[in-house]
PDB file of N, CA and C in Angstrom:
ATOM      1  N   MET A   1     -14.747 -15.987  15.977  1.00  0.00           N
ATOM      2  CA  MET A   1     -14.168 -15.930  14.384  1.00  0.00           C
ATOM      3  C   MET A   1     -13.627 -14.506  14.438  1.00  0.00           C
ATOM      4  N   LYS A   2     -12.200 -14.296  13.750  1.00  0.00           N
ATOM      5  CA  LYS A   2     -12.049 -12.784  13.267  1.00  0.00           C
ATOM      6  C   LYS A   2     -13.083 -12.097  11.813  1.00  0.00           C
ATOM      7  N   ARG A   3     -13.226 -11.314  11.992  1.00  0.00           N
ATOM      8  CA  ARG A   3     -13.923 -10.272  10.943  1.00  0.00           C
ATOM      9  C   ARG A   3     -13.550 -10.407   9.774  1.00  0.00           C
ATOM     10  N   PHE A   4     -11.998 -10.833   9.808  1.00  0.00           N
ATOM     11  CA  PHE A   4     -11.147 -10.376   8.233  1.00  0.00           C
ATOM     12  C   PHE A   4     -10.518 -11.743   7.988  1.00  0.00           C
ATOM     13  N   ALA A   5     -10.814 -13.179   8.560  1.00  0.00           N
ATOM     14  CA  ALA A   5      -9.847 -14.291   8.748  1.00  0.00           C
ATOM     15  C   ALA A   5      -9.714 -14.611   7.147  1.00  0.00           C
ATOM     16  N   ASN A   6      -8.180 -14.646   7.002  1.00  0.00           N
ATOM     17  CA  ASN A   6      -7.788 -15.227   5.244  1.00  0.00           C
ATOM     18  C   ASN A   6      -8.027 -14.251   4.685  1.00  0.00           C
ATOM     19  N   LYS A   7      -8.585 -13.137   4.779  1.00  0.00           N
ATOM     20  CA  LYS A   7      -9.269 -12.325   3.889  1.00  0.00           C
ATOM     21  C   LYS A   7      -7.748 -11.681   3.071  1.00  0.00           C
ATOM     22  N   LYS A   8      -7.701 -11.772   1.902  1.00  0.00           N
ATOM     23  CA  LYS A   8      -6.563 -11.170   1.425  1.00  0.00           C
ATOM     24  C   LYS A   8      -6.646  -9.316   0.751  1.00  0.00           C
ATOM     25  N   VAL A   9      -5.749  -8.788   1.731  1.00  0.00           N
ATOM     26  CA  VAL A   9      -6.048  -7.294   1.490  1.00  0.00           C
ATOM     27  C   VAL A   9      -4.696  -6.678   1.264  1.00  0.00           C
ATOM     28  N   PHE A  10      -5.127  -6.027  -0.089  1.00  0.00           N
ATOM     29  CA  PHE A  10      -3.675  -4.892  -0.706  1.00  0.00           C
ATOM     30  C   PHE A  10      -3.718  -3.702  -0.362  1.00  0.00           C
ATOM     31  N   ILE A  11      -2.835  -3.306   0.558  1.00  0.00           N
ATOM     32  CA  ILE A  11      -2.824  -1.636   0.983  1.00  0.00           C
ATOM     33  C   ILE A  11      -1.867  -0.684   0.368  1.00  0.00           C
ATOM     34  N   SER A  12      -1.970   0.056  -0.786  1.00  0.00           N
ATOM     35  CA  SER A  12      -0.946   1.450  -1.072  1.00  0.00           C
ATOM     36  C   SER A  12      -0.771   2.133   0.244  1.00  0.00           C
ATOM     37  N   GLY A  13       0.572   3.014   0.133  1.00  0.00           N
ATOM     38  CA  GLY A  13       0.804   3.925   0.968  1.00  0.00           C
ATOM     39  C   GLY A  13       0.208   3.164   2.385  1.00  0.00           C
ATOM     40  N   GLY A  14       1.202   1.821   3.003  1.00  0.00           N
ATOM     41  CA  GLY A  14       0.928   1.217   4.121  1.00  0.00           C
ATOM     42  C   GLY A  14       1.905   0.959   5.008  1.00  0.00           C
ATOM     43  N   ALA A  15       2.922   2.241   4.833  1.00  0.00           N
ATOM     44  CA  ALA A  15       4.104   1.651   5.610  1.00  0.00           C
ATOM     45  C   ALA A  15       3.886   2.741   7.429  1.00  0.00           C
ATOM     46  N   THR A  16       3.195   3.750   7.242  1.00  0.00           N
ATOM     47  CA  THR A  16       2.768   4.883   7.506  1.00  0.00           C
ATOM     48  C   THR A  16       1.542   5.326   7.912  1.00  0.00           C
ATOM     49  N   GLY A  17       1.266   6.455   9.035  1.00  0.00           N
ATOM     50  CA  GLY A  17       0.196   6.958   8.837  1.00  0.00           C
ATOM     51  C   GLY A  17      -1.332   6.137   9.156  1.00  0.00           C
ATOM     52  N   ILE A  18      -2.255   6.565   8.279  1.00  0.00           N
ATOM     53  CA  ILE A  18      -3.485   6.104   7.806  1.00  0.00           C
ATOM     54  C   ILE A  18      -3.314   4.607   7.752  1.00  0.00           C
ATOM     55  N   GLY A  19      -2.628   4.498   6.689  1.00  0.00           N
ATOM     56  CA  GLY A  19      -2.509   3.157   5.853  1.00  0.00           C
ATOM     57  C   GLY A  19      -1.658   2.350   7.049  1.00  0.00           C
ATOM     58  N   GLU A  20      -0.649   2.605   7.358  1.00  0.00           N
ATOM     59  CA  GLU A  20      -0.526   1.509   8.832  1.00  0.00           C
ATOM     60  C   GLU A  20      -1.154   1.255   9.981  1.00  0.00           C
ATOM     61  N   ALA A  21      -1.980   2.142  10.233  1.00  0.00           N
ATOM     62  CA  ALA A  21      -3.442   1.743  10.880  1.00  0.00           C
ATOM     63  C   ALA A  21      -4.510   0.674  10.393  1.00  0.00           C
ATOM     64  N   ALA A  22      -4.200   0.950   9.312  1.00  0.00           N
ATOM     65  CA  ALA A  22      -5.739  -0.188   8.407  1.00  0.00           C
ATOM     66  C   ALA A  22      -4.758  -1.251   8.371  1.00  0.00           C
ATOM     67  N   VAL A  23      -3.422  -1.019   8.240  1.00  0.00           N
ATOM     68  CA  VAL A  23      -2.819  -2.532   7.886  1.00  0.00           C
ATOM     69  C   VAL A  23      -3.072  -3.394   9.115  1.00  0.00           C
ATOM     70  N   LEU A  24      -2.660  -2.620  10.339  1.00  0.00           N
ATOM     71  CA  LEU A  24      -2.168  -3.363  11.668  1.00  0.00           C
ATOM     72  C   LEU A  24      -3.927  -3.296  12.085  1.00  0.00           C
ATOM     73  N   LEU A  25      -4.735  -3.054  11.750  1.00  0.00           N
ATOM     74  CA  LEU A  25      -6.326  -3.290  12.430  1.00  0.00           C
ATOM     75  C   LEU A  25      -7.232  -4.649  11.253  1.00  0.00           C
ATOM     76  N   PHE A  26      -6.545  -4.793   9.991  1.00  0.00           N
ATOM     77  CA  PHE A  26      -6.454  -5.973   9.386  1.00  0.00           C
ATOM     78  C   PHE A  26      -6.241  -6.962   9.916  1.00  0.00           C
ATOM     79  N   ALA A  27      -4.694  -6.854  10.125  1.00  0.00           N
ATOM     80  CA  ALA A  27      -4.331  -8.184  10.405  1.00  0.00           C
ATOM     81  C   ALA A  27      -4.515  -8.326  12.131  1.00  0.00           C
ATOM     82  N   GLN A  28      -5.132  -7.395  12.968  1.00  0.00           N
ATOM     83  CA  GLN A  28      -5.148  -8.012  13.945  1.00  0.00           C
ATOM     84  C   GLN A  28      -6.361  -8.706  13.631  1.00  0.00           C
ATOM     85  N   GLN A  29      -7.543  -8.481  12.753  1.00  0.00           N
ATOM     86  CA  GLN A  29      -8.901  -9.134  12.381  1.00  0.00           C
ATOM     87  C   GLN A  29      -8.284 -10.243  11.716  1.00  0.00           C
ATOM     88  N   GLY A  30      -7.498 -10.764  11.341  1.00  0.00           N
ATOM     89  CA  GLY A  30      -7.201 -12.004  10.527  1.00  0.00           C
ATOM     90  C   GLY A  30      -6.688 -12.342   8.962  1.00  0.00           C
ATOM     91  N   ALA A  31      -6.974 -11.187   8.391  1.00  0.00           N
ATOM     92  CA  ALA A  31      -6.587 -10.687   6.987  1.00  0.00           C
ATOM     93  C   ALA A  31      -5.039 -11.139   6.649  1.00  0.00           C
ATOM     94  N   ILE A  32      -4.987 -11.303   6.198  1.00  0.00           N
ATOM     95  CA  ILE A  32      -3.334 -11.113   5.255  1.00  0.00           C
ATOM     96  C   ILE A  32      -3.119 -10.058   4.222  1.00  0.00           C
ATOM     97  N   VAL A  33      -2.011  -9.581   4.451  1.00  0.00           N
ATOM     98  CA  VAL A  33      -1.547  -8.235   4.317  1.00  0.00           C
ATOM     99  C   VAL A  33      -0.816  -7.792   3.425  1.00  0.00           C
ATOM    100  N   THR A  34      -1.380  -7.500   2.544  1.00  0.00           N
ATOM    101  CA  THR A  34       0.259  -7.143   1.476  1.00  0.00           C
ATOM    102  C   THR A  34       0.865  -5.509   2.168  1.00  0.00           C
ATOM    103  N   ILE A  35       1.630  -5.000   2.234  1.00  0.00           N
ATOM    104  CA  ILE A  35       2.174  -3.744   2.161  1.00  0.00           C
ATOM    105  C   ILE A  35       2.667  -3.076   0.988  1.00  0.00           C
ATOM    106  N   PHE A  36       2.376  -2.160   0.588  1.00  0.00           N
ATOM    107  CA  PHE A  36       2.831  -1.427  -0.765  1.00  0.00           C
ATOM    108  C   PHE A  36       3.214  -0.138  -0.386  1.00  0.00           C
ATOM    109  N   ASP A  37       4.477   0.058  -0.259  1.00  0.00           N
ATOM    110  CA  ASP A  37       4.880   1.571  -0.109  1.00  0.00           C
ATOM    111  C   ASP A  37       6.164   1.637  -0.612  1.00  0.00           C
ATOM    112  N   ARG A  38       6.864   3.090  -1.297  1.00  0.00           N
ATOM    113  CA  ARG A  38       7.880   3.346  -1.182  1.00  0.00           C
ATOM    114  C   ARG A  38       8.796   3.586  -0.394  1.00  0.00           C
ATOM    115  N   ASP A  39       8.599   3.637   1.102  1.00  0.00           N
ATOM    116  CA  ASP A  39       9.489   3.982   2.288  1.00  0.00           C
ATOM    117  C   ASP A  39       9.740   2.419   2.445  1.00  0.00           C
ATOM    118  N   ILE A  40      10.744   1.823   2.419  1.00  0.00           N
ATOM    119  CA  ILE A  40      11.461   1.378   2.737  1.00  0.00           C
ATOM    120  C   ILE A  40      11.214   0.300   4.418  1.00  0.00           C
ATOM    121  N   GLU A  41      12.311   1.117   4.911  1.00  0.00           N
ATOM    122  CA  GLU A  41      12.079   1.348   6.174  1.00  0.00           C
ATOM    123  C   GLU A  41      11.198   0.982   7.581  1.00  0.00           C
ATOM    124  N   ASN A  42       9.646   2.051   7.345  1.00  0.00           N
ATOM    125  CA  ASN A  42       9.196   1.557   7.944  1.00  0.00           C
ATOM    126  C   ASN A  42       8.195   0.668   6.977  1.00  0.00           C
ATOM    127  N   GLY A  43       8.133   0.735   5.996  1.00  0.00           N
ATOM    128  CA  GLY A  43       7.403  -0.894   5.494  1.00  0.00           C
ATOM    129  C   GLY A  43       7.907  -2.203   6.166  1.00  0.00           C
ATOM    130  N   GLU A  44       9.128  -2.092   6.398  1.00  0.00           N
ATOM    131  CA  GLU A  44       9.537  -3.213   6.690  1.00  0.00           C
ATOM    132  C   GLU A  44       8.952  -3.344   8.233  1.00  0.00           C
ATOM    133  N   LYS A  45       9.160  -1.928   9.112  1.00  0.00           N
ATOM    134  CA  LYS A  45       8.917  -2.257  10.422  1.00  0.00           C
ATOM    135  C   LYS A  45       7.208  -2.640  11.145  1.00  0.00           C
ATOM    136  N   CYS A  46       6.276  -1.976   9.716  1.00  0.00           N
ATOM    137  CA  CYS A  46       5.093  -2.252  10.223  1.00  0.00           C
ATOM    138  C   CYS A  46       5.006  -3.545   9.678  1.00  0.00           C
ATOM    139  N   LEU A  47       5.579  -4.070   8.306  1.00  0.00           N
ATOM    140  CA  LEU A  47       5.279  -6.086   8.458  1.00  0.00           C
ATOM    141  C   LEU A  47       5.797  -6.756   9.870  1.00  0.00           C
ATOM    142  N   GLN A  48       6.863  -6.107  10.533  1.00  0.00           N
ATOM    143  CA  GLN A  48       7.443  -6.866  11.597  1.00  0.00           C
ATOM    144  C   GLN A  48       6.368  -6.335  12.695  1.00  0.00           C
ATOM    145  N   LYS A  49       5.709  -5.900  12.547  1.00  0.00           N
ATOM    146  CA  LYS A  49       4.944  -5.640  13.844  1.00  0.00           C
ATOM    147  C   LYS A  49       4.164  -6.629  13.601  1.00  0.00           C
ATOM    148  N   ILE A  50       3.390  -6.467  12.540  1.00  0.00           N
ATOM    149  CA  ILE A  50       2.443  -7.754  12.038  1.00  0.00           C
ATOM    150  C   ILE A  50       2.891  -9.325  12.492  1.00  0.00           C
ATOM    151  N   LEU A  51       3.945  -9.455  12.022  1.00  0.00           N
ATOM    152  CA  LEU A  51       4.544 -10.811  12.417  1.00  0.00           C
ATOM    153  C   LEU A  51       5.321 -11.241  13.626  1.00  0.00           C
ATOM    154  N   ASP A  52       5.442  -9.617  14.213  1.00  0.00           N
ATOM    155  CA  ASP A  52       5.290 -10.043  15.901  1.00  0.00           C
ATOM    156  C   ASP A  52       4.697 -10.708  16.713  1.00  0.00           C
ATOM    157  N   SER A  53       3.271  -9.849  16.009  1.00  0.00           N
ATOM    158  CA  SER A  53       1.579 -10.292  16.869  1.00  0.00           C
ATOM    159  C   SER A  53       1.171 -11.637  16.368  1.00  0.00           C
ATOM    160  N   GLY A  54       2.118 -12.511  15.617  1.00  0.00           N
ATOM    161  CA  GLY A  54       1.030 -13.663  15.024  1.00  0.00           C
ATOM    162  C   GLY A  54       0.787 -13.552  13.619  1.00  0.00           C
ATOM    163  N   GLY A  55       0.499 -12.735  13.192  1.00  0.00           N
ATOM    164  CA  GLY A  55      -0.382 -12.057  12.011  1.00  0.00           C
ATOM    165  C   GLY A  55       0.767 -12.957  10.626  1.00  0.00           C
ATOM    166  N   ARG A  56       0.179 -12.087   9.273  1.00  0.00           N
ATOM    167  CA  ARG A  56       0.820 -12.827   8.170  1.00  0.00           C
ATOM    168  C   ARG A  56       0.642 -11.566   6.911  1.00  0.00           C
ATOM    169  N   GLY A  57       1.757 -11.703   6.446  1.00  0.00           N
ATOM    170  CA  GLY A  57       1.714 -10.545   5.803  1.00  0.00           C
ATOM    171  C   GLY A  57       3.123 -10.173   5.093  1.00  0.00           C
ATOM    172  N   ILE A  58       3.078  -9.452   3.853  1.00  0.00           N
ATOM    173  CA  ILE A  58       4.505  -9.414   2.878  1.00  0.00           C
ATOM    174  C   ILE A  58       4.279  -7.840   2.607  1.00  0.00           C
ATOM    175  N   PHE A  59       5.742  -7.467   2.545  1.00  0.00           N
ATOM    176  CA  PHE A  59       6.213  -6.131   2.427  1.00  0.00           C
ATOM    177  C   PHE A  59       6.387  -5.917   0.899  1.00  0.00           C
ATOM    178  N   ILE A  60       6.152  -4.766   0.164  1.00  0.00           N
ATOM    179  CA  ILE A  60       6.483  -4.954  -1.176  1.00  0.00           C
ATOM    180  C   ILE A  60       7.143  -3.426  -1.447  1.00  0.00           C
ATOM    181  N   SER A  61       8.381  -2.651  -2.172  1.00  0.00           N
ATOM    182  CA  SER A  61       8.870  -1.644  -2.226  1.00  0.00           C
ATOM    183  C   SER A  61       8.530  -1.260  -3.429  1.00  0.00           C
ATOM    184  N   GLY A  62       7.827  -0.325  -3.469  1.00  0.00           N
ATOM    185  CA  GLY A  62       7.485   0.390  -5.006  1.00  0.00           C
ATOM    186  C   GLY A  62       6.964   2.206  -4.530  1.00  0.00           C
ATOM    187  N   ASN A  63       6.477   1.974  -6.219  1.00  0.00           N
ATOM    188  CA  ASN A  63       6.414   3.764  -6.195  1.00  0.00           C
ATOM    189  C   ASN A  63       5.082   3.540  -7.106  1.00  0.00           C
ATOM    190  N   LEU A  64       3.751   4.558  -6.539  1.00  0.00           N
ATOM    191  CA  LEU A  64       2.369   4.508  -7.830  1.00  0.00           C
ATOM    192  C   LEU A  64       3.190   5.197  -8.964  1.00  0.00           C
ATOM    193  N   ILE A  65       3.860   5.970  -9.237  1.00  0.00           N
ATOM    194  CA  ILE A  65       3.947   6.723 -10.814  1.00  0.00           C
ATOM    195  C   ILE A  65       4.470   5.964 -11.356  1.00  0.00           C
ATOM    196  N   TYR A  66       5.142   4.487 -11.269  1.00  0.00           N
ATOM    197  CA  TYR A  66       5.514   3.794 -12.287  1.00  0.00           C
ATOM    198  C   TYR A  66       4.501   2.661 -12.135  1.00  0.00           C
ATOM    199  N   PRO A  67       3.979   2.532 -13.331  1.00  0.00           N
ATOM    200  CA  PRO A  67       2.948   1.535 -13.788  1.00  0.00           C
ATOM    201  C   PRO A  67       3.075   0.177 -13.048  1.00  0.00           C
ATOM    202  N   GLU A  68       4.498  -0.053 -13.812  1.00  0.00           N
ATOM    203  CA  GLU A  68       5.309  -1.434 -14.265  1.00  0.00           C
ATOM    204  C   GLU A  68       5.271  -1.736 -12.116  1.00  0.00           C
ATOM    205  N   GLU A  69       6.022  -0.998 -11.472  1.00  0.00           N
ATOM    206  CA  GLU A  69       6.198  -1.383 -10.211  1.00  0.00           C
ATOM    207  C   GLU A  69       4.561  -1.801  -9.776  1.00  0.00           C
ATOM    208  N   ILE A  70       3.789  -1.310  -9.938  1.00  0.00           N
ATOM    209  CA  ILE A  70       1.938  -1.566  -9.829  1.00  0.00           C
ATOM    210  C   ILE A  70       1.816  -3.013 -10.026  1.00  0.00           C
ATOM    211  N   GLU A  71       2.077  -3.001 -11.132  1.00  0.00           N
ATOM    212  CA  GLU A  71       2.238  -4.445 -11.921  1.00  0.00           C
ATOM    213  C   GLU A  71       2.769  -5.137 -11.300  1.00  0.00           C
ATOM    214  N   LYS A  72       3.984  -4.959 -10.789  1.00  0.00           N
ATOM    215  CA  LYS A  72       5.147  -6.093 -10.168  1.00  0.00           C
ATOM    216  C   LYS A  72       4.229  -6.828  -8.723  1.00  0.00           C
ATOM    217  N   ALA A  73       3.563  -5.454  -8.370  1.00  0.00           N
ATOM    218  CA  ALA A  73       3.860  -5.721  -6.781  1.00  0.00           C
ATOM    219  C   ALA A  73       2.027  -6.807  -6.783  1.00  0.00           C
ATOM    220  N   ILE A  74       1.851  -6.265  -8.067  1.00  0.00           N
ATOM    221  CA  ILE A  74       0.062  -7.204  -7.310  1.00  0.00           C
ATOM    222  C   ILE A  74       0.459  -8.521  -8.040  1.00  0.00           C
ATOM    223  N   ASP A  75       1.275  -8.683  -8.907  1.00  0.00           N
ATOM    224  CA  ASP A  75       1.628 -10.133  -9.600  1.00  0.00           C
ATOM    225  C   ASP A  75       2.191 -10.843  -8.133  1.00  0.00           C
ATOM    226  N   GLN A  76       2.810  -9.984  -7.530  1.00  0.00           N
ATOM    227  CA  GLN A  76       3.777 -10.575  -6.726  1.00  0.00           C
ATOM    228  C   GLN A  76       2.535 -10.846  -5.644  1.00  0.00           C
ATOM    229  N   SER A  77       1.648 -10.035  -5.047  1.00  0.00           N
ATOM    230  CA  SER A  77       1.008 -10.431  -4.387  1.00  0.00           C
ATOM    231  C   SER A  77      -0.065 -11.627  -5.005  1.00  0.00           C
ATOM    232  N   LEU A  78      -0.438 -11.809  -5.769  1.00  0.00           N
ATOM    233  CA  LEU A  78      -1.502 -12.737  -6.344  1.00  0.00           C
ATOM    234  C   LEU A  78      -0.682 -14.264  -6.104  1.00  0.00           C
ATOM    235  N   LYS A  79       0.857 -14.183  -6.726  1.00  0.00           N
ATOM    236  CA  LYS A  79       1.682 -15.332  -6.696  1.00  0.00           C
ATOM    237  C   LYS A  79       1.449 -16.083  -5.416  1.00  0.00           C
ATOM    238  N   THR A  80       1.828 -15.245  -4.355  1.00  0.00           N
ATOM    239  CA  THR A  80       2.136 -14.951  -2.513  1.00  0.00           C
ATOM    240  C   THR A  80       0.748 -15.784  -2.089  1.00  0.00           C
ATOM    241  N   TYR A  81      -0.542 -15.221  -2.205  1.00  0.00           N
ATOM    242  CA  TYR A  81      -1.377 -15.792  -1.666  1.00  0.00           C
ATOM    243  C   TYR A  81      -2.499 -15.692  -2.654  1.00  0.00           C
ATOM    244  N   GLY A  82      -2.609 -15.972  -4.014  1.00  0.00           N
ATOM    245  CA  GLY A  82      -3.661 -16.405  -4.640  1.00  0.00           C
ATOM    246  C   GLY A  82      -5.015 -15.606  -5.065  1.00  0.00           C
ATOM    247  N   GLY A  83      -5.090 -14.112  -4.542  1.00  0.00           N
ATOM    248  CA  GLY A  83      -6.228 -13.288  -5.293  1.00  0.00           C
ATOM    249  C   GLY A  83      -5.786 -12.968  -3.886  1.00  0.00           C
ATOM    250  N   ILE A  84      -6.727 -11.091  -4.188  1.00  0.00           N
ATOM    251  CA  ILE A  84      -6.870 -10.176  -3.557  1.00  0.00           C
ATOM    252  C   ILE A  84      -8.013  -9.693  -3.167  1.00  0.00           C
ATOM    253  N   ASP A  85      -8.701  -9.719  -1.727  1.00  0.00           N
ATOM    254  CA  ASP A  85     -10.136  -9.868  -1.944  1.00  0.00           C
ATOM    255  C   ASP A  85     -10.540  -8.265  -1.120  1.00  0.00           C
ATOM    256  N   ILE A  86      -9.545  -7.374  -0.697  1.00  0.00           N
ATOM    257  CA  ILE A  86      -9.709  -5.857  -0.842  1.00  0.00           C
ATOM    258  C   ILE A  86      -8.636  -5.310  -0.917  1.00  0.00           C
ATOM    259  N   LEU A  87      -8.785  -4.384  -1.353  1.00  0.00           N
ATOM    260  CA  LEU A  87      -7.880  -3.093  -2.360  1.00  0.00           C
ATOM    261  C   LEU A  87      -8.291  -1.581  -1.566  1.00  0.00           C
ATOM    262  N   ILE A  88      -7.036  -1.580  -1.231  1.00  0.00           N
ATOM    263  CA  ILE A  88      -7.295  -0.312  -0.604  1.00  0.00           C
ATOM    264  C   ILE A  88      -6.049   1.001  -1.059  1.00  0.00           C
ATOM    265  N   ASN A  89      -6.989   1.678  -1.806  1.00  0.00           N
ATOM    266  CA  ASN A  89      -5.560   3.080  -2.130  1.00  0.00           C
ATOM    267  C   ASN A  89      -5.453   4.146  -1.577  1.00  0.00           C
ATOM    268  N   ASN A  90      -4.411   3.836  -0.191  1.00  0.00           N
ATOM    269  CA  ASN A  90      -4.641   4.887   0.638  1.00  0.00           C
ATOM    270  C   ASN A  90      -3.480   5.530   0.409  1.00  0.00           C
ATOM    271  N   ALA A  91      -2.536   5.409  -0.526  1.00  0.00           N
ATOM    272  CA  ALA A  91      -1.576   6.316  -1.121  1.00  0.00           C
ATOM    273  C   ALA A  91      -1.971   7.432  -1.805  1.00  0.00           C
ATOM    274  N   GLY A  92      -1.046   8.896  -1.508  1.00  0.00           N
ATOM    275  CA  GLY A  92      -1.163  10.010  -1.943  1.00  0.00           C
ATOM    276  C   GLY A  92      -0.543  11.015  -1.710  1.00  0.00           C
ATOM    277  N   VAL A  93      -0.113  11.723  -2.564  1.00  0.00           N
ATOM    278  CA  VAL A  93       0.489  13.057  -2.134  1.00  0.00           C
ATOM    279  C   VAL A  93       0.071  14.679  -2.451  1.00  0.00           C
ATOM    280  N   GLU A  94       0.240  15.446  -2.108  1.00  0.00           N
ATOM    281  CA  GLU A  94       0.057  16.990  -2.506  1.00  0.00           C
ATOM    282  C   GLU A  94       1.409  17.294  -2.584  1.00  0.00           C
ATOM    283  N   SER A  95       1.116  18.428  -3.036  1.00  0.00           N
ATOM    284  CA  SER A  95       2.026  19.066  -4.213  1.00  0.00           C
ATOM    285  C   SER A  95       1.827  21.135  -3.624  1.00  0.00           C
ATOM    286  N   PRO A  96       3.428  21.841  -2.957  1.00  0.00           N
ATOM    287  CA  PRO A  96       3.609  23.074  -2.134  1.00  0.00           C
ATOM    288  C   PRO A  96       2.561  23.757  -3.532  1.00  0.00           C
ATOM    289  N   TYR A  97       2.222  23.749  -4.795  1.00  0.00           N
ATOM    290  CA  TYR A  97       2.288  24.709  -5.673  1.00  0.00           C
ATOM    291  C   TYR A  97       0.170  24.709  -5.470  1.00  0.00           C
ATOM    292  N   SER A  98       0.421  25.989  -5.616  1.00  0.00           N
ATOM    293  CA  SER A  98      -1.080  26.291  -6.387  1.00  0.00           C
ATOM    294  C   SER A  98      -1.315  25.683  -7.578  1.00  0.00           C
ATOM    295  N   VAL A  99      -2.717  25.680  -7.968  1.00  0.00           N
ATOM    296  CA  VAL A  99      -2.775  24.680  -9.461  1.00  0.00           C
ATOM    297  C   VAL A  99      -2.357  25.572 -10.303  1.00  0.00           C
ATOM    298  N   HIS A 100      -2.768  27.164 -10.501  1.00  0.00           N
ATOM    299  CA  HIS A 100      -2.551  27.846 -11.600  1.00  0.00           C
ATOM    300  C   HIS A 100      -1.065  28.130 -11.705  1.00  0.00           C
ATOM    301  N   GLU A 101      -0.137  27.730 -10.766  1.00  0.00           N
ATOM    302  CA  GLU A 101       1.234  27.891 -10.626  1.00  0.00           C
ATOM    303  C   GLU A 101       2.036  26.929 -10.958  1.00  0.00           C
ATOM    304  N   MET A 102       1.462  25.657 -10.806  1.00  0.00           N
ATOM    305  CA  MET A 102       2.128  23.997 -10.589  1.00  0.00           C
ATOM    306  C   MET A 102       2.899  24.101 -11.843  1.00  0.00           C
ATOM    307  N   PRO A 103       4.496  23.455 -11.480  1.00  0.00           N
ATOM    308  CA  PRO A 103       4.942  23.719 -13.286  1.00  0.00           C
ATOM    309  C   PRO A 103       3.830  21.815 -13.761  1.00  0.00           C
ATOM    310  N   ILE A 104       4.338  21.350 -15.034  1.00  0.00           N
ATOM    311  CA  ILE A 104       4.271  20.405 -16.109  1.00  0.00           C
ATOM    312  C   ILE A 104       4.203  19.345 -15.078  1.00  0.00           C
ATOM    313  N   GLU A 105       5.191  19.121 -14.952  1.00  0.00           N
ATOM    314  CA  GLU A 105       6.118  17.940 -14.083  1.00  0.00           C
ATOM    315  C   GLU A 105       5.446  17.531 -12.817  1.00  0.00           C
ATOM    316  N   GLU A 106       5.099  18.844 -12.076  1.00  0.00           N
ATOM    317  CA  GLU A 106       4.487  18.709 -10.749  1.00  0.00           C
ATOM    318  C   GLU A 106       2.909  17.805 -10.961  1.00  0.00           C
ATOM    319  N   TRP A 107       2.765  18.527 -11.809  1.00  0.00           N
ATOM    320  CA  TRP A 107       0.807  17.931 -12.106  1.00  0.00           C
ATOM    321  C   TRP A 107       0.856  16.408 -12.360  1.00  0.00           C
ATOM    322  N   ASP A 108       1.636  16.138 -13.058  1.00  0.00           N
ATOM    323  CA  ASP A 108       2.280  14.688 -13.896  1.00  0.00           C
ATOM    324  C   ASP A 108       2.370  13.820 -12.247  1.00  0.00           C
ATOM    325  N   ARG A 109       3.015  14.809 -11.647  1.00  0.00           N
ATOM    326  CA  ARG A 109       3.601  13.611 -10.566  1.00  0.00           C
ATOM    327  C   ARG A 109       2.243  13.391  -9.460  1.00  0.00           C
ATOM    328  N   VAL A 110       1.892  14.471  -9.379  1.00  0.00           N
ATOM    329  CA  VAL A 110       0.219  14.235  -8.264  1.00  0.00           C
ATOM    330  C   VAL A 110      -0.380  13.753  -9.025  1.00  0.00           C
ATOM    331  N   MET A 111      -1.228  13.474 -10.274  1.00  0.00           N
ATOM    332  CA  MET A 111      -1.611  12.930 -10.881  1.00  0.00           C
ATOM    333  C   MET A 111      -1.424  11.395 -10.729  1.00  0.00           C
ATOM    334  N   ALA A 112      -0.307  11.150 -11.333  1.00  0.00           N
ATOM    335  CA  ALA A 112       0.111   9.827 -11.272  1.00  0.00           C
ATOM    336  C   ALA A 112      -0.084   9.002 -10.059  1.00  0.00           C
ATOM    337  N   VAL A 113       0.112   9.857  -9.474  1.00  0.00           N
ATOM    338  CA  VAL A 113      -0.458   9.210  -7.572  1.00  0.00           C
ATOM    339  C   VAL A 113      -1.244   9.067  -7.310  1.00  0.00           C
ATOM    340  N   ASN A 114      -2.172  10.109  -6.999  1.00  0.00           N
ATOM    341  CA  ASN A 114      -3.569  10.283  -6.628  1.00  0.00           C
ATOM    342  C   ASN A 114      -4.276   9.987  -7.824  1.00  0.00           C
ATOM    343  N   LEU A 115      -4.546   9.975  -8.756  1.00  0.00           N
ATOM    344  CA  LEU A 115      -5.675   9.300  -9.631  1.00  0.00           C
ATOM    345  C   LEU A 115      -4.965   8.055 -10.332  1.00  0.00           C
ATOM    346  N   ARG A 116      -3.766   8.003 -10.963  1.00  0.00           N
ATOM    347  CA  ARG A 116      -3.605   7.142 -11.974  1.00  0.00           C
ATOM    348  C   ARG A 116      -3.074   5.695 -10.912  1.00  0.00           C
ATOM    349  N   GLY A 117      -2.860   5.962  -9.820  1.00  0.00           N
ATOM    350  CA  GLY A 117      -1.517   5.107  -9.110  1.00  0.00           C
ATOM    351  C   GLY A 117      -2.188   3.640  -8.727  1.00  0.00           C
ATOM    352  N   MET A 118      -3.844   3.722  -8.534  1.00  0.00           N
ATOM    353  CA  MET A 118      -3.896   1.940  -8.842  1.00  0.00           C
ATOM    354  C   MET A 118      -5.350   2.320  -9.013  1.00  0.00           C
TER     355      MET A 118
END
């Protein structure tokens, strides 16, 4: 039996990089994966990899800056699969500014994703 068989996994920032690797590994181990990312093109490609290998999952486009998009994604995942067993908040951003030079708008953007995102 696969280690995460039928576990419902929600991964933010799951379209590329470490997030995509986590998505694919969980799917290989039998998890039902929700990919949440603002990158539609790569999110759909990642989902297709899961489906092509016989796995189950959905892709939901959204941005962690907007709380209403997070709520919508969680609601959609809950309605589709009936729960979330594992939440991985992989999404994160960085800034080209030093903290002491960072405009307040940039600070708000970084904090919105990295601290308030999920």
